[in-house]
Amino acid sequence: MLDAEAESIEKSLGLLGIPSVRRVTTARIYDLEFADVPEAEARRLADRAVERLLANPVIHRVSIRPLPA
């Protein structure tokens, strides 16, 4: 998986004298809250948002789950 931001951070850490970093990864979290929508419909809408706007399936891993009440 390509993560240009993580690669840049890893290089910068080395330049800052912070050695031996084995791996750097980055992550984004989107918290979507739907009003007056049943959970199944909220999941469908979240899936649609991910597919059409929030993520590129070639380079992003996506997890969709309801938040605890």
PDB file of N, CA and C in Angstrom:
ATOM      1  N   MET A   1       0.848  -1.172   0.000  1.00  0.00           N
ATOM      2  CA  MET A   1       0.000   0.000   0.000  1.00  0.00           C
ATOM      3  C   MET A   1       0.896   1.238   0.000  1.00  0.00           C
ATOM      4  N   LEU A   2       0.542   2.215  -0.788  1.00  0.00           N
ATOM      5  CA  LEU A   2       1.290   3.448  -0.847  1.00  0.00           C
ATOM      6  C   LEU A   2       0.720   4.438   0.155  1.00  0.00           C
ATOM      7  N   ASP A   3       1.594   5.021   0.944  1.00  0.00           N
ATOM      8  CA  ASP A   3       1.190   6.029   1.916  1.00  0.00           C
ATOM      9  C   ASP A   3       2.257   7.115   1.871  1.00  0.00           C
ATOM     10  N   ALA A   4       2.107   8.052   0.934  1.00  0.00           N
ATOM     11  CA  ALA A   4       3.112   9.092   0.729  1.00  0.00           C
ATOM     12  C   ALA A   4       3.317   9.936   1.976  1.00  0.00           C
ATOM     13  N   GLU A   5       2.248  10.201   2.702  1.00  0.00           N
ATOM     14  CA  GLU A   5       2.358  10.999   3.920  1.00  0.00           C
ATOM     15  C   GLU A   5       3.197  10.276   4.964  1.00  0.00           C
ATOM     16  N   ALA A   6       2.966   8.989   5.138  1.00  0.00           N
ATOM     17  CA  ALA A   6       3.742   8.207   6.101  1.00  0.00           C
ATOM     18  C   ALA A   6       5.205   8.124   5.677  1.00  0.00           C
ATOM     19  N   GLU A   7       5.447   7.967   4.396  1.00  0.00           N
ATOM     20  CA  GLU A   7       6.821   7.906   3.891  1.00  0.00           C
ATOM     21  C   GLU A   7       7.556   9.214   4.171  1.00  0.00           C
ATOM     22  N   SER A   8       6.881  10.329   3.957  1.00  0.00           N
ATOM     23  CA  SER A   8       7.469  11.632   4.231  1.00  0.00           C
ATOM     24  C   SER A   8       7.771  11.809   5.719  1.00  0.00           C
ATOM     25  N   ILE A   9       6.859  11.371   6.563  1.00  0.00           N
ATOM     26  CA  ILE A   9       7.061  11.456   8.012  1.00  0.00           C
ATOM     27  C   ILE A   9       8.248  10.607   8.433  1.00  0.00           C
ATOM     28  N   GLU A  10       8.332   9.397   7.888  1.00  0.00           N
ATOM     29  CA  GLU A  10       9.445   8.499   8.222  1.00  0.00           C
ATOM     30  C   GLU A  10      10.784   9.135   7.848  1.00  0.00           C
ATOM     31  N   LYS A  11      10.877   9.723   6.671  1.00  0.00           N
ATOM     32  CA  LYS A  11      12.112  10.398   6.258  1.00  0.00           C
ATOM     33  C   LYS A  11      12.422  11.580   7.161  1.00  0.00           C
ATOM     34  N   SER A  12      11.390  12.363   7.500  1.00  0.00           N
ATOM     35  CA  SER A  12      11.583  13.531   8.357  1.00  0.00           C
ATOM     36  C   SER A  12      12.050  13.143   9.751  1.00  0.00           C
ATOM     37  N   LEU A  13      11.529  12.044  10.264  1.00  0.00           N
ATOM     38  CA  LEU A  13      11.978  11.575  11.577  1.00  0.00           C
ATOM     39  C   LEU A  13      13.470  11.273  11.553  1.00  0.00           C
ATOM     40  N   GLY A  14      13.934  10.638  10.491  1.00  0.00           N
ATOM     41  CA  GLY A  14      15.366  10.363  10.351  1.00  0.00           C
ATOM     42  C   GLY A  14      16.171  11.646  10.310  1.00  0.00           C
ATOM     43  N   LEU A  15      15.690  12.653   9.571  1.00  0.00           N
ATOM     44  CA  LEU A  15      16.389  13.939   9.491  1.00  0.00           C
ATOM     45  C   LEU A  15      16.402  14.671  10.827  1.00  0.00           C
ATOM     46  N   LEU A  16      15.408  14.421  11.657  1.00  0.00           N
ATOM     47  CA  LEU A  16      15.341  15.037  12.984  1.00  0.00           C
ATOM     48  C   LEU A  16      16.177  14.291  14.017  1.00  0.00           C
ATOM     49  N   GLY A  17      16.829  13.221  13.585  1.00  0.00           N
ATOM     50  CA  GLY A  17      17.662  12.451  14.499  1.00  0.00           C
ATOM     51  C   GLY A  17      16.889  11.465  15.343  1.00  0.00           C
ATOM     52  N   ILE A  18      15.729  11.078  14.893  1.00  0.00           N
ATOM     53  CA  ILE A  18      14.931  10.074  15.592  1.00  0.00           C
ATOM     54  C   ILE A  18      15.078   8.782  14.788  1.00  0.00           C
ATOM     55  N   PRO A  19      16.036   7.951  15.173  1.00  0.00           N
ATOM     56  CA  PRO A  19      16.396   6.785  14.366  1.00  0.00           C
ATOM     57  C   PRO A  19      15.538   5.554  14.656  1.00  0.00           C
ATOM     58  N   SER A  20      15.747   4.553  13.856  1.00  0.00           N
ATOM     59  CA  SER A  20      15.205   3.207  14.081  1.00  0.00           C
ATOM     60  C   SER A  20      13.691   3.119  14.060  1.00  0.00           C
ATOM     61  N   VAL A  21      13.035   4.023  13.364  1.00  0.00           N
ATOM     62  CA  VAL A  21      11.584   3.900  13.204  1.00  0.00           C
ATOM     63  C   VAL A  21      11.346   2.819  12.159  1.00  0.00           C
ATOM     64  N   ARG A  22      10.746   1.737  12.567  1.00  0.00           N
ATOM     65  CA  ARG A  22      10.537   0.602  11.673  1.00  0.00           C
ATOM     66  C   ARG A  22       9.469   0.889  10.626  1.00  0.00           C
ATOM     67  N   ARG A  23       8.374   1.525  11.058  1.00  0.00           N
ATOM     68  CA  ARG A  23       7.262   1.746  10.144  1.00  0.00           C
ATOM     69  C   ARG A  23       6.409   2.911  10.633  1.00  0.00           C
ATOM     70  N   VAL A  24       5.910   3.683   9.708  1.00  0.00           N
ATOM     71  CA  VAL A  24       4.986   4.768  10.004  1.00  0.00           C
ATOM     72  C   VAL A  24       3.735   4.540   9.155  1.00  0.00           C
ATOM     73  N   THR A  25       2.578   4.690   9.755  1.00  0.00           N
ATOM     74  CA  THR A  25       1.330   4.646   9.009  1.00  0.00           C
ATOM     75  C   THR A  25       0.498   5.865   9.402  1.00  0.00           C
ATOM     76  N   THR A  26      -0.378   6.249   8.533  1.00  0.00           N
ATOM     77  CA  THR A  26      -1.286   7.348   8.833  1.00  0.00           C
ATOM     78  C   THR A  26      -2.715   6.834   8.741  1.00  0.00           C
ATOM     79  N   ALA A  27      -3.625   7.559   9.363  1.00  0.00           N
ATOM     80  CA  ALA A  27      -5.030   7.142   9.340  1.00  0.00           C
ATOM     81  C   ALA A  27      -5.928   8.366   9.376  1.00  0.00           C
ATOM     82  N   ARG A  28      -7.081   8.201   8.789  1.00  0.00           N
ATOM     83  CA  ARG A  28      -8.120   9.228   8.860  1.00  0.00           C
ATOM     84  C   ARG A  28      -9.376   8.572   9.421  1.00  0.00           C
ATOM     85  N   ILE A  29     -10.054   9.321  10.246  1.00  0.00           N
ATOM     86  CA  ILE A  29     -11.314   8.829  10.813  1.00  0.00           C
ATOM     87  C   ILE A  29     -12.406   9.825  10.446  1.00  0.00           C
ATOM     88  N   TYR A  30     -13.459   9.303   9.865  1.00  0.00           N
ATOM     89  CA  TYR A  30     -14.642  10.102   9.571  1.00  0.00           C
ATOM     90  C   TYR A  30     -15.755   9.586  10.476  1.00  0.00           C
ATOM     91  N   ASP A  31     -16.338  10.472  11.225  1.00  0.00           N
ATOM     92  CA  ASP A  31     -17.430  10.126  12.132  1.00  0.00           C
ATOM     93  C   ASP A  31     -18.708  10.708  11.536  1.00  0.00           C
ATOM     94  N   LEU A  32     -19.524   9.843  10.949  1.00  0.00           N
ATOM     95  CA  LEU A  32     -20.774  10.285  10.342  1.00  0.00           C
ATOM     96  C   LEU A  32     -21.926   9.980  11.292  1.00  0.00           C
ATOM     97  N   GLU A  33     -22.676  10.993  11.649  1.00  0.00           N
ATOM     98  CA  GLU A  33     -23.844  10.815  12.507  1.00  0.00           C
ATOM     99  C   GLU A  33     -25.083  11.155  11.698  1.00  0.00           C
ATOM    100  N   PHE A  34     -26.016  10.218  11.638  1.00  0.00           N
ATOM    101  CA  PHE A  34     -27.244  10.414  10.888  1.00  0.00           C
ATOM    102  C   PHE A  34     -28.394  10.641  11.856  1.00  0.00           C
ATOM    103  N   ALA A  35     -29.259  11.593  11.530  1.00  0.00           N
ATOM    104  CA  ALA A  35     -30.403  11.908  12.390  1.00  0.00           C
ATOM    105  C   ALA A  35     -31.624  11.123  11.934  1.00  0.00           C
ATOM    106  N   ASP A  36     -32.279  10.497  12.882  1.00  0.00           N
ATOM    107  CA  ASP A  36     -33.554   9.809  12.632  1.00  0.00           C
ATOM    108  C   ASP A  36     -33.482   8.813  11.476  1.00  0.00           C
ATOM    109  N   VAL A  37     -32.423   8.018  11.456  1.00  0.00           N
ATOM    110  CA  VAL A  37     -32.227   7.012  10.409  1.00  0.00           C
ATOM    111  C   VAL A  37     -31.969   5.670  11.093  1.00  0.00           C
ATOM    112  N   PRO A  38     -32.675   4.620  10.709  1.00  0.00           N
ATOM    113  CA  PRO A  38     -32.403   3.305  11.287  1.00  0.00           C
ATOM    114  C   PRO A  38     -30.962   2.864  10.990  1.00  0.00           C
ATOM    115  N   GLU A  39     -30.427   2.000  11.830  1.00  0.00           N
ATOM    116  CA  GLU A  39     -29.026   1.593  11.707  1.00  0.00           C
ATOM    117  C   GLU A  39     -28.704   1.010  10.330  1.00  0.00           C
ATOM    118  N   ALA A  40     -29.566   0.183   9.788  1.00  0.00           N
ATOM    119  CA  ALA A  40     -29.302  -0.421   8.474  1.00  0.00           C
ATOM    120  C   ALA A  40     -29.217   0.647   7.382  1.00  0.00           C
ATOM    121  N   GLU A  41     -30.083   1.637   7.445  1.00  0.00           N
ATOM    122  CA  GLU A  41     -30.052   2.724   6.465  1.00  0.00           C
ATOM    123  C   GLU A  41     -28.811   3.588   6.662  1.00  0.00           C
ATOM    124  N   ALA A  42     -28.437   3.832   7.917  1.00  0.00           N
ATOM    125  CA  ALA A  42     -27.220   4.603   8.198  1.00  0.00           C
ATOM    126  C   ALA A  42     -25.996   3.895   7.618  1.00  0.00           C
ATOM    127  N   ARG A  43     -25.950   2.582   7.740  1.00  0.00           N
ATOM    128  CA  ARG A  43     -24.821   1.818   7.180  1.00  0.00           C
ATOM    129  C   ARG A  43     -24.813   1.952   5.656  1.00  0.00           C
ATOM    130  N   ARG A  44     -25.973   1.862   5.033  1.00  0.00           N
ATOM    131  CA  ARG A  44     -26.061   1.997   3.578  1.00  0.00           C
ATOM    132  C   ARG A  44     -25.587   3.379   3.130  1.00  0.00           C
ATOM    133  N   LEU A  45     -26.012   4.406   3.858  1.00  0.00           N
ATOM    134  CA  LEU A  45     -25.593   5.768   3.526  1.00  0.00           C
ATOM    135  C   LEU A  45     -24.090   5.960   3.747  1.00  0.00           C
ATOM    136  N   ALA A  46     -23.566   5.389   4.816  1.00  0.00           N
ATOM    137  CA  ALA A  46     -22.131   5.485   5.079  1.00  0.00           C
ATOM    138  C   ALA A  46     -21.336   4.777   3.987  1.00  0.00           C
ATOM    139  N   ASP A  47     -21.785   3.590   3.586  1.00  0.00           N
ATOM    140  CA  ASP A  47     -21.132   2.869   2.485  1.00  0.00           C
ATOM    141  C   ASP A  47     -21.107   3.732   1.221  1.00  0.00           C
ATOM    142  N   ARG A  48     -22.218   4.365   0.948  1.00  0.00           N
ATOM    143  CA  ARG A  48     -22.312   5.212  -0.247  1.00  0.00           C
ATOM    144  C   ARG A  48     -21.351   6.399  -0.155  1.00  0.00           C
ATOM    145  N   ALA A  49     -21.262   7.015   1.017  1.00  0.00           N
ATOM    146  CA  ALA A  49     -20.344   8.146   1.215  1.00  0.00           C
ATOM    147  C   ALA A  49     -18.892   7.716   1.014  1.00  0.00           C
ATOM    148  N   VAL A  50     -18.551   6.542   1.525  1.00  0.00           N
ATOM    149  CA  VAL A  50     -17.190   6.024   1.370  1.00  0.00           C
ATOM    150  C   VAL A  50     -16.892   5.770  -0.099  1.00  0.00           C
ATOM    151  N   GLU A  51     -17.782   5.091  -0.776  1.00  0.00           N
ATOM    152  CA  GLU A  51     -17.566   4.726  -2.178  1.00  0.00           C
ATOM    153  C   GLU A  51     -17.487   5.945  -3.095  1.00  0.00           C
ATOM    154  N   ARG A  52     -18.282   6.965  -2.803  1.00  0.00           N
ATOM    155  CA  ARG A  52     -18.385   8.092  -3.731  1.00  0.00           C
ATOM    156  C   ARG A  52     -17.500   9.268  -3.370  1.00  0.00           C
ATOM    157  N   LEU A  53     -17.012   9.336  -2.105  1.00  0.00           N
ATOM    158  CA  LEU A  53     -16.305  10.545  -1.708  1.00  0.00           C
ATOM    159  C   LEU A  53     -15.106  10.323  -0.795  1.00  0.00           C
ATOM    160  N   LEU A  54     -15.255   9.514   0.216  1.00  0.00           N
ATOM    161  CA  LEU A  54     -14.279   9.513   1.305  1.00  0.00           C
ATOM    162  C   LEU A  54     -13.045   8.655   1.098  1.00  0.00           C
ATOM    163  N   ALA A  55     -13.107   7.613   0.293  1.00  0.00           N
ATOM    164  CA  ALA A  55     -11.977   6.688   0.205  1.00  0.00           C
ATOM    165  C   ALA A  55     -11.737   6.215  -1.218  1.00  0.00           C
ATOM    166  N   ASN A  56     -10.486   5.920  -1.490  1.00  0.00           N
ATOM    167  CA  ASN A  56     -10.079   5.294  -2.741  1.00  0.00           C
ATOM    168  C   ASN A  56      -9.783   3.842  -2.421  1.00  0.00           C
ATOM    169  N   PRO A  57     -10.563   2.902  -2.931  1.00  0.00           N
ATOM    170  CA  PRO A  57     -10.381   1.498  -2.545  1.00  0.00           C
ATOM    171  C   PRO A  57      -9.030   0.911  -2.948  1.00  0.00           C
ATOM    172  N   VAL A  58      -8.321   1.562  -3.839  1.00  0.00           N
ATOM    173  CA  VAL A  58      -7.007   1.076  -4.243  1.00  0.00           C
ATOM    174  C   VAL A  58      -5.982   1.295  -3.136  1.00  0.00           C
ATOM    175  N   ILE A  59      -6.116   2.380  -2.369  1.00  0.00           N
ATOM    176  CA  ILE A  59      -5.094   2.708  -1.372  1.00  0.00           C
ATOM    177  C   ILE A  59      -5.608   2.805   0.062  1.00  0.00           C
ATOM    178  N   HIS A  60      -6.901   2.757   0.268  1.00  0.00           N
ATOM    179  CA  HIS A  60      -7.451   2.894   1.620  1.00  0.00           C
ATOM    180  C   HIS A  60      -8.137   1.614   2.081  1.00  0.00           C
ATOM    181  N   ARG A  61      -7.976   1.324   3.352  1.00  0.00           N
ATOM    182  CA  ARG A  61      -8.772   0.272   3.991  1.00  0.00           C
ATOM    183  C   ARG A  61      -9.883   0.965   4.755  1.00  0.00           C
ATOM    184  N   VAL A  62     -11.063   0.428   4.685  1.00  0.00           N
ATOM    185  CA  VAL A  62     -12.219   1.085   5.296  1.00  0.00           C
ATOM    186  C   VAL A  62     -12.902   0.138   6.256  1.00  0.00           C
ATOM    187  N   SER A  63     -13.304   0.678   7.396  1.00  0.00           N
ATOM    188  CA  SER A  63     -14.094  -0.076   8.373  1.00  0.00           C
ATOM    189  C   SER A  63     -15.283   0.797   8.746  1.00  0.00           C
ATOM    190  N   ILE A  64     -16.472   0.257   8.609  1.00  0.00           N
ATOM    191  CA  ILE A  64     -17.681   0.987   8.973  1.00  0.00           C
ATOM    192  C   ILE A  64     -18.352   0.230  10.105  1.00  0.00           C
ATOM    193  N   ARG A  65     -18.610   0.949  11.181  1.00  0.00           N
ATOM    194  CA  ARG A  65     -19.259   0.312  12.323  1.00  0.00           C
ATOM    195  C   ARG A  65     -20.017   1.352  13.126  1.00  0.00           C
ATOM    196  N   PRO A  66     -21.089   0.938  13.788  1.00  0.00           N
ATOM    197  CA  PRO A  66     -21.834   1.885  14.625  1.00  0.00           C
ATOM    198  C   PRO A  66     -21.037   2.197  15.880  1.00  0.00           C
ATOM    199  N   LEU A  67     -21.172   3.406  16.344  1.00  0.00           N
ATOM    200  CA  LEU A  67     -20.525   3.787  17.591  1.00  0.00           C
ATOM    201  C   LEU A  67     -21.380   3.302  18.759  1.00  0.00           C
ATOM    202  N   PRO A  68     -20.740   2.980  19.867  1.00  0.00           N
ATOM    203  CA  PRO A  68     -21.514   2.566  21.039  1.00  0.00           C
ATOM    204  C   PRO A  68     -22.449   3.684  21.493  1.00  0.00           C
ATOM    205  N   ALA A  69     -23.611   3.296  21.934  1.00  0.00           N
ATOM    206  CA  ALA A  69     -24.596   4.295  22.371  1.00  0.00           C
ATOM    207  C   ALA A  69     -24.208   4.927  23.683  1.00  0.00           C
TER     208      ALA A  69
END
